[in-house]
Protein backbone atom coordinates (compact mmCIF):
# COMPACT_ATOMS: atom_id res chain seq x y z
CA MET A 1 0.03 0.04 0.03
CA ALA A 2 1.16 3.46 -0.79
CA THR A 3 1.18 6.16 1.86
CA ILE A 4 0.21 9.74 1.19
CA GLN A 5 1.40 12.76 3.03
CA GLU A 6 -0.65 15.97 2.26
CA PHE A 7 -0.08 19.80 2.79
CA PRO A 8 -2.48 22.62 2.43
CA LEU A 9 -0.25 25.17 0.69
CA ALA A 10 -2.83 27.82 0.31
CA ALA A 11 -1.62 28.95 -3.19
CA PHE A 12 -1.78 27.81 -6.72
CA VAL A 13 0.92 24.95 -7.11
CA VAL A 14 2.89 25.91 -10.29
CA GLU A 15 5.39 23.20 -10.24
CA ALA A 16 6.59 20.29 -8.05
CA ALA A 17 9.90 18.79 -8.15
CA PHE A 18 12.62 16.79 -6.09
CA LEU A 19 15.89 18.59 -5.44
CA GLY A 20 17.93 15.38 -4.65
CA ASP A 21 15.71 13.85 -1.95
CA THR A 22 13.97 17.07 -0.85
CA PRO A 23 10.33 17.77 -2.27
CA VAL A 24 9.79 21.26 -3.21
CA PHE A 25 6.69 23.19 -4.46
CA ALA A 26 6.75 26.46 -6.51
CA LEU A 27 3.70 28.57 -5.72
CA GLY A 28 1.72 31.27 -7.29
CA ASN A 29 2.25 33.58 -4.30
CA GLY A 30 6.08 33.70 -4.86
CA LEU A 31 7.09 31.18 -2.29
CA VAL A 32 8.84 27.88 -2.64
CA ARG A 33 7.79 25.28 -0.10
CA ARG A 34 10.43 22.63 0.74
CA VAL A 35 9.27 19.62 2.67
CA VAL A 36 11.45 18.79 5.78
CA GLY A 37 9.94 16.04 7.92
CA GLY A 38 6.22 16.64 8.31
CA ALA A 39 6.36 20.31 7.44
CA ALA A 40 6.41 22.35 4.11
CA GLU A 41 8.70 25.17 5.06
CA PRO A 42 8.32 28.43 3.26
CA VAL A 43 11.21 30.09 1.41
CA ALA A 44 10.51 33.70 0.18
CA VAL A 45 11.82 33.77 -3.42
CA HIS A 46 9.76 36.20 -5.55
CA THR A 47 7.99 39.38 -4.33
CA GLY A 48 5.29 38.33 -7.01
CA ALA A 49 3.91 35.40 -8.63
CA ILE A 50 6.07 32.40 -9.80
CA LEU A 51 5.12 32.06 -13.51
CA GLU A 52 7.28 29.07 -14.59
CA ALA A 53 9.64 26.66 -12.79
CA THR A 54 12.00 23.72 -13.53
CA VAL A 55 14.88 21.83 -12.08
CA ALA A 56 18.44 22.96 -12.93
CA ASP A 57 21.38 21.06 -11.80
CA GLY A 58 19.72 20.10 -8.50
CA ARG A 59 18.35 23.49 -7.80
CA LEU A 60 14.83 25.01 -8.52
CA LEU A 61 14.90 27.47 -11.35
CA THR A 62 12.07 29.88 -11.22
CA GLY A 63 10.95 33.01 -13.06
CA GLY A 64 8.54 35.57 -11.50
CA ASP A 65 6.56 38.51 -12.41
CA ASP A 66 8.81 40.59 -10.22
CA GLY A 67 11.46 40.41 -13.12
CA VAL A 68 13.69 38.09 -11.08
CA VAL A 69 15.11 34.76 -12.03
CA ALA A 70 16.03 32.67 -8.96
CA LEU A 71 17.80 29.28 -8.09
CA THR A 72 16.57 27.78 -4.91
CA SER A 73 18.74 25.11 -3.32
CA ALA A 74 17.55 21.95 -1.32
CA ASP A 75 18.66 23.69 1.93
CA GLY A 76 16.65 26.77 1.24
CA SER A 77 19.39 29.09 0.07
CA VAL A 78 18.31 31.28 -2.86
CA GLU A 79 20.44 32.81 -5.61
CA LYS A 80 18.65 35.78 -7.32
CA ILE A 81 19.48 37.03 -10.82
CA GLU A 82 18.25 40.63 -11.41
CA THR A 83 17.46 40.70 -15.04
CA PRO A 84 18.08 43.98 -17.18
CA GLN A 85 14.66 44.00 -18.48
CA LYS A 86 12.96 44.10 -15.07
CA LYS A 87 9.94 42.57 -16.68
CA TRP A 88 7.96 39.48 -16.06
CA ILE A 89 10.05 36.34 -16.56
CA ASP A 90 7.59 34.22 -18.64
CA HIS A 91 9.55 31.12 -19.17
CA VAL A 92 12.64 29.41 -17.95
CA ALA A 93 14.70 26.33 -19.03
CA ALA A 94 17.64 24.38 -17.79
CA GLY A 95 20.52 23.44 -20.01
CA PRO A 96 23.85 21.65 -19.71
CA ASN A 97 26.72 22.55 -17.21
CA GLY A 98 24.82 24.95 -15.23
CA VAL A 99 23.56 27.11 -18.26
CA ILE A 100 19.98 28.37 -18.02
CA ALA A 101 17.70 30.29 -20.12
CA TYR A 102 14.82 32.76 -19.58
CA SER A 103 12.53 34.93 -21.52
CA SER A 104 10.67 38.17 -21.16
CA GLY A 105 8.37 39.44 -23.91
CA LYS A 106 10.21 38.97 -27.30
CA THR A 107 13.62 38.37 -25.87
CA ALA A 108 15.14 34.90 -24.85
CA THR A 109 18.47 35.09 -22.78
CA LEU A 110 20.84 32.32 -22.42
CA ARG A 111 23.10 32.68 -19.15
CA HIS A 112 26.33 30.92 -18.27
CA PRO A 113 27.15 30.10 -14.56
CA ASP A 114 29.83 32.72 -14.68
CA GLY A 115 27.26 35.45 -15.42
CA ARG A 116 27.80 35.81 -19.10
CA GLU A 117 24.66 36.25 -21.09
CA ARG A 118 23.48 36.29 -24.77
CA ALA A 119 20.14 37.53 -25.78
CA PHE A 120 18.05 36.39 -28.81
CA GLU A 121 15.55 38.76 -30.15
CA HIS A 122 12.21 37.55 -31.84
CA LYS A 123 9.38 39.38 -33.77
CA ARG A 124 6.73 38.02 -31.41
CA SER A 125 6.60 37.02 -27.86
CA VAL A 126 8.39 33.81 -26.82
CA GLY A 127 5.99 30.90 -26.06
CA GLY A 128 8.25 28.51 -24.49
CA LEU A 129 12.01 27.52 -24.02
CA ALA A 130 13.78 24.12 -24.36
CA PHE A 131 17.29 22.87 -24.49
CA ALA A 132 18.46 19.98 -26.69
CA PRO A 133 19.79 16.95 -24.73
CA LYS A 134 23.20 17.18 -26.37
CA GLY A 135 25.07 20.46 -27.39
CA LEU A 136 24.36 23.92 -26.40
CA ARG A 137 21.11 24.40 -28.55
CA LEU A 138 18.25 26.47 -27.42
CA ALA A 139 14.75 26.12 -28.91
CA VAL A 140 12.49 28.96 -28.80
CA ALA A 141 8.70 28.41 -29.35
CA ARG A 142 7.07 31.35 -31.06
CA TYR A 143 4.32 32.45 -33.23
CA ASP A 144 4.33 30.37 -36.47
CA GLY A 145 6.99 27.91 -35.37
CA VAL A 146 10.17 27.39 -33.46
CA THR A 147 13.64 28.97 -33.76
CA LEU A 148 16.72 26.86 -32.89
CA TRP A 149 19.68 28.83 -31.64
CA TRP A 150 23.24 27.56 -31.15
CA GLY A 151 24.43 29.05 -27.85
CA GLY A 152 28.04 28.22 -28.08
CA THR A 153 28.76 30.31 -31.12
CA GLU A 154 27.53 33.60 -32.56
CA SER A 155 28.54 32.63 -35.99
CA ALA A 156 26.00 29.94 -36.65
CA ALA A 157 22.63 31.12 -38.13
CA PRO A 158 19.55 30.00 -36.45
CA VAL A 159 17.36 27.22 -37.83
CA GLU A 160 13.74 28.30 -38.38
CA LEU A 161 11.08 25.47 -38.10
CA ASN A 162 7.79 26.97 -39.39
CA TRP A 163 4.15 25.90 -38.97
CA LYS A 164 1.29 28.43 -38.80
CA GLY A 165 -0.32 29.16 -35.50
CA ALA A 166 0.70 30.06 -31.91
CA HIS A 167 3.38 27.56 -30.40
CA LEU A 168 3.16 27.83 -26.58
CA GLY A 169 5.76 25.45 -25.40
CA ALA A 170 8.57 23.18 -26.78
CA MET A 171 10.27 19.97 -25.74
CA PHE A 172 13.04 17.83 -27.32
CA SER A 173 12.89 14.12 -27.36
CA PRO A 174 15.38 12.53 -25.06
CA ASP A 175 17.47 11.25 -28.12
CA GLY A 176 17.35 14.78 -29.61
CA LYS A 177 15.85 13.61 -33.02
CA TYR A 178 12.45 15.19 -32.66
CA ILE A 179 11.14 18.59 -31.12
CA VAL A 180 7.32 18.91 -30.15
CA THR A 181 5.40 22.09 -29.46
CA THR A 182 2.11 22.62 -27.80
CA MET A 183 -0.25 24.91 -29.73
CA GLN A 184 -2.99 27.32 -29.02
CA GLU A 185 -5.30 25.44 -31.44
CA ASN A 186 -5.49 22.32 -29.21
CA ALA A 187 -2.92 20.43 -30.93
CA LEU A 188 0.74 19.39 -30.76
CA HIS A 189 3.11 19.86 -33.76
CA GLY A 190 6.45 18.00 -34.17
CA TRP A 191 9.49 18.19 -36.47
CA ARG A 192 11.94 15.46 -37.24
CA LEU A 193 15.35 17.46 -36.95
CA GLY A 194 17.16 15.18 -39.38
CA ASP A 195 15.11 16.36 -42.37
CA GLY A 196 12.64 18.79 -40.90
CA LYS A 197 9.61 16.64 -41.54
CA ASP A 198 6.36 17.92 -40.00
CA MET A 199 4.40 15.85 -37.59
CA ARG A 200 0.71 16.86 -36.87
CA MET A 201 -0.89 15.56 -33.68
CA THR A 202 -4.60 16.68 -33.33
CA GLY A 203 -7.93 15.70 -31.86
CA TYR A 204 -7.59 17.38 -28.35
CA PRO A 205 -10.67 18.94 -26.92
CA ALA A 206 -8.44 21.35 -24.98
CA LYS A 207 -4.89 22.64 -25.15
CA PRO A 208 -2.38 19.91 -24.42
CA ARG A 209 -0.29 22.01 -21.89
CA SER A 210 1.51 19.05 -20.03
CA LEU A 211 4.01 16.77 -21.92
CA SER A 212 6.21 13.93 -20.46
CA TRP A 213 8.34 11.54 -22.41
CA SER A 214 8.36 7.72 -21.34
CA ALA A 215 11.34 6.18 -19.59
CA LYS A 216 12.85 5.04 -22.83
CA GLY A 217 11.56 7.88 -24.93
CA ARG A 218 9.23 5.52 -26.82
CA PHE A 219 5.99 7.47 -26.11
CA LEU A 220 5.20 11.12 -25.55
CA ALA A 221 2.26 11.52 -22.98
CA SER A 222 0.23 14.73 -23.09
CA SER A 223 -2.85 16.23 -21.28
CA GLY A 224 -5.70 18.05 -22.90
CA ALA A 225 -8.26 15.25 -23.41
CA PRO A 226 -10.46 12.96 -21.15
CA ALA A 227 -7.49 10.41 -21.07
CA ALA A 228 -3.77 10.68 -21.26
CA ILE A 229 -2.82 10.65 -24.86
CA LEU A 230 0.61 8.84 -25.53
CA TRP A 231 2.09 9.27 -29.06
CA PRO A 232 4.40 6.60 -30.35
CA PHE A 233 7.84 7.73 -31.38
CA HIS A 234 9.74 4.55 -31.70
CA TYR A 235 8.79 4.13 -35.38
CA LYS A 236 10.81 5.56 -38.26
CA ASP A 237 8.15 8.20 -39.03
CA GLY A 238 7.32 8.86 -35.43
CA PRO A 239 3.71 8.90 -34.64
CA MET A 240 2.56 9.50 -38.19
CA GLY A 241 -0.14 7.09 -39.28
CA ARG A 242 -0.06 5.45 -35.83
CA PRO A 243 -2.87 5.63 -33.22
CA PRO A 244 -1.89 7.09 -29.72
CA LEU A 245 -2.38 5.14 -26.54
CA GLN A 246 -5.32 6.59 -24.57
CA LEU A 247 -4.72 5.65 -20.82
CA GLY A 248 -6.97 6.49 -17.77
CA PRO A 249 -10.10 7.50 -19.58
CA ARG A 250 -12.62 9.39 -17.49
CA GLU A 251 -15.30 12.03 -17.84
CA GLN A 252 -12.92 14.67 -16.55
CA LEU A 253 -10.06 16.44 -18.50
CA VAL A 254 -6.40 15.33 -17.87
CA THR A 255 -4.54 18.38 -16.83
CA ARG A 256 -1.16 16.99 -15.95
CA VAL A 257 0.98 13.94 -16.94
CA ALA A 258 4.33 12.61 -15.69
CA CYS A 259 5.89 9.42 -16.96
CA HIS A 260 7.74 7.09 -14.57
CA PRO A 261 11.50 7.56 -14.74
CA ARG A 262 12.18 3.69 -15.18
CA GLU A 263 8.94 1.96 -16.03
CA GLU A 264 6.46 2.36 -18.77
CA THR A 265 3.80 3.76 -16.29
CA VAL A 266 2.33 7.34 -16.38
CA ALA A 267 0.93 9.38 -13.60
CA ILE A 268 -2.06 11.35 -14.53
CA GLY A 269 -3.73 14.43 -12.80
CA TYR A 270 -7.40 15.50 -13.68
CA ALA A 271 -9.54 18.55 -13.55
CA ASP A 272 -11.42 17.25 -10.45
CA GLY A 273 -8.29 16.59 -8.43
CA VAL A 274 -7.90 12.80 -9.16
CA VAL A 275 -4.35 11.50 -9.15
CA LEU A 276 -3.71 7.88 -10.48
CA THR A 277 -1.05 5.94 -12.34
CA VAL A 278 -1.65 3.69 -15.49
CA ARG A 279 0.62 0.96 -16.71
CA PHE A 280 1.11 0.92 -20.44
CA ALA A 281 1.12 -2.77 -20.97
CA ASP A 282 -2.19 -3.65 -19.47
CA THR A 283 -3.74 -0.37 -18.57
CA LYS A 284 -3.91 -1.21 -14.83
CA GLU A 285 -4.74 1.73 -12.75
CA VAL A 286 -3.83 2.63 -9.35
CA VAL A 287 -5.84 5.63 -7.68
CA PHE A 288 -3.94 7.70 -5.20
CA ARG A 289 -6.26 10.66 -4.71
CA LYS A 290 -10.02 10.64 -5.20
CA ALA A 291 -12.13 13.47 -6.62
CA GLY A 292 -12.56 16.81 -4.80
CA GLY A 293 -11.18 20.25 -4.88
CA SER A 294 -9.66 21.73 -7.97
CA ALA A 295 -7.54 20.62 -10.97
CA VAL A 296 -4.10 19.02 -10.57
CA SER A 297 -1.42 21.52 -11.70
CA ALA A 298 1.82 19.65 -10.99
CA LEU A 299 3.06 16.06 -10.87
CA ALA A 300 6.69 14.94 -10.46
CA TRP A 301 8.58 11.65 -9.71
CA ASP A 302 11.76 11.40 -7.80
CA LYS A 303 14.58 9.70 -9.59
CA ALA A 304 14.14 6.26 -8.40
CA GLY A 305 10.34 6.38 -9.15
CA ASP A 306 9.42 5.56 -5.60
CA ARG A 307 7.67 8.79 -4.75
CA LEU A 308 5.26 11.09 -6.56
CA LEU A 309 4.51 14.71 -5.87
CA PHE A 310 1.29 16.31 -6.72
CA GLY A 311 -0.09 19.81 -6.43
CA CYS A 312 -3.40 21.54 -7.31
CA GLU A 313 -4.70 24.90 -8.25
CA ASP A 314 -6.31 25.47 -4.90
CA GLY A 315 -3.08 24.69 -3.03
CA ALA A 316 -3.70 21.07 -2.13
CA ALA A 317 -0.48 19.15 -2.37
CA GLY A 318 1.07 15.90 -1.28
CA ILE A 319 3.69 13.17 -1.46
CA VAL A 320 2.73 9.71 -2.57
CA THR A 321 5.30 7.13 -1.26
CA LEU A 322 4.80 3.88 -3.09
CA ALA A 323 5.22 0.56 -1.28
CA GLY A 324 8.48 -1.33 -1.58
């Protein structure tokens, strides 16, 4: 039997993550809560809302509407980066060797650990940021496509991947062969980077805002439907012409997905607060949290896949510890 430790955090849970063994929650009120023993201790990080968060080399990287980029460690220490723009930090991303990226409006900035920065300007607002798994390559989702920048050299021209519409986020496949974006029009779009081939993934009743690659990168799980939609990428042409898996079907919209780090299992959060896991092979479900309260807004596994964090829009949050 799994055990569940719950916390009322009293603010929108933007993201959940493990910093080593320490669970943390990034909140809409500017706080990061780090779980120590039975308490979720507050760390004051931003004076406004946290808009986006991700893990960067064992620290929590956050961007806020106070114009600050911050890195919070497991022990609660905070490094704050005062950005020149002093505007909302809409998106953040973690790259190799301590490199990070953040965006404000039309500008995406790549920052090295020694403080060196390089800004990339775009015609329209940045929709999302992602680093390739190999090499210092930054993807910037934008209106009508994605721009790929080489961060290590200023002489290399950017690669433009174009597709009409607003692209709201980006994610590389673990092997670096594909990049996939979430779109305003309730769809995913992908490109095979070797030849630029387009991949269109449609049929969502809502925007698929949450994406997660399976343990071996064989499937891409997504939210935005009354089941988790998992597109197969282990074929020559990726998911094209192949039906997706549909796991955990319910009458409620899936709002968050997180694939297990080792097994072909996915954790799913729903609009009514339900949290469950589903195994790919036989669709066996295990329910950890019943309906009640607001939508699940954050899900995260630890590295071993023994613990699962969840957070909700109304501030409800918890840690699921699986039985050994």
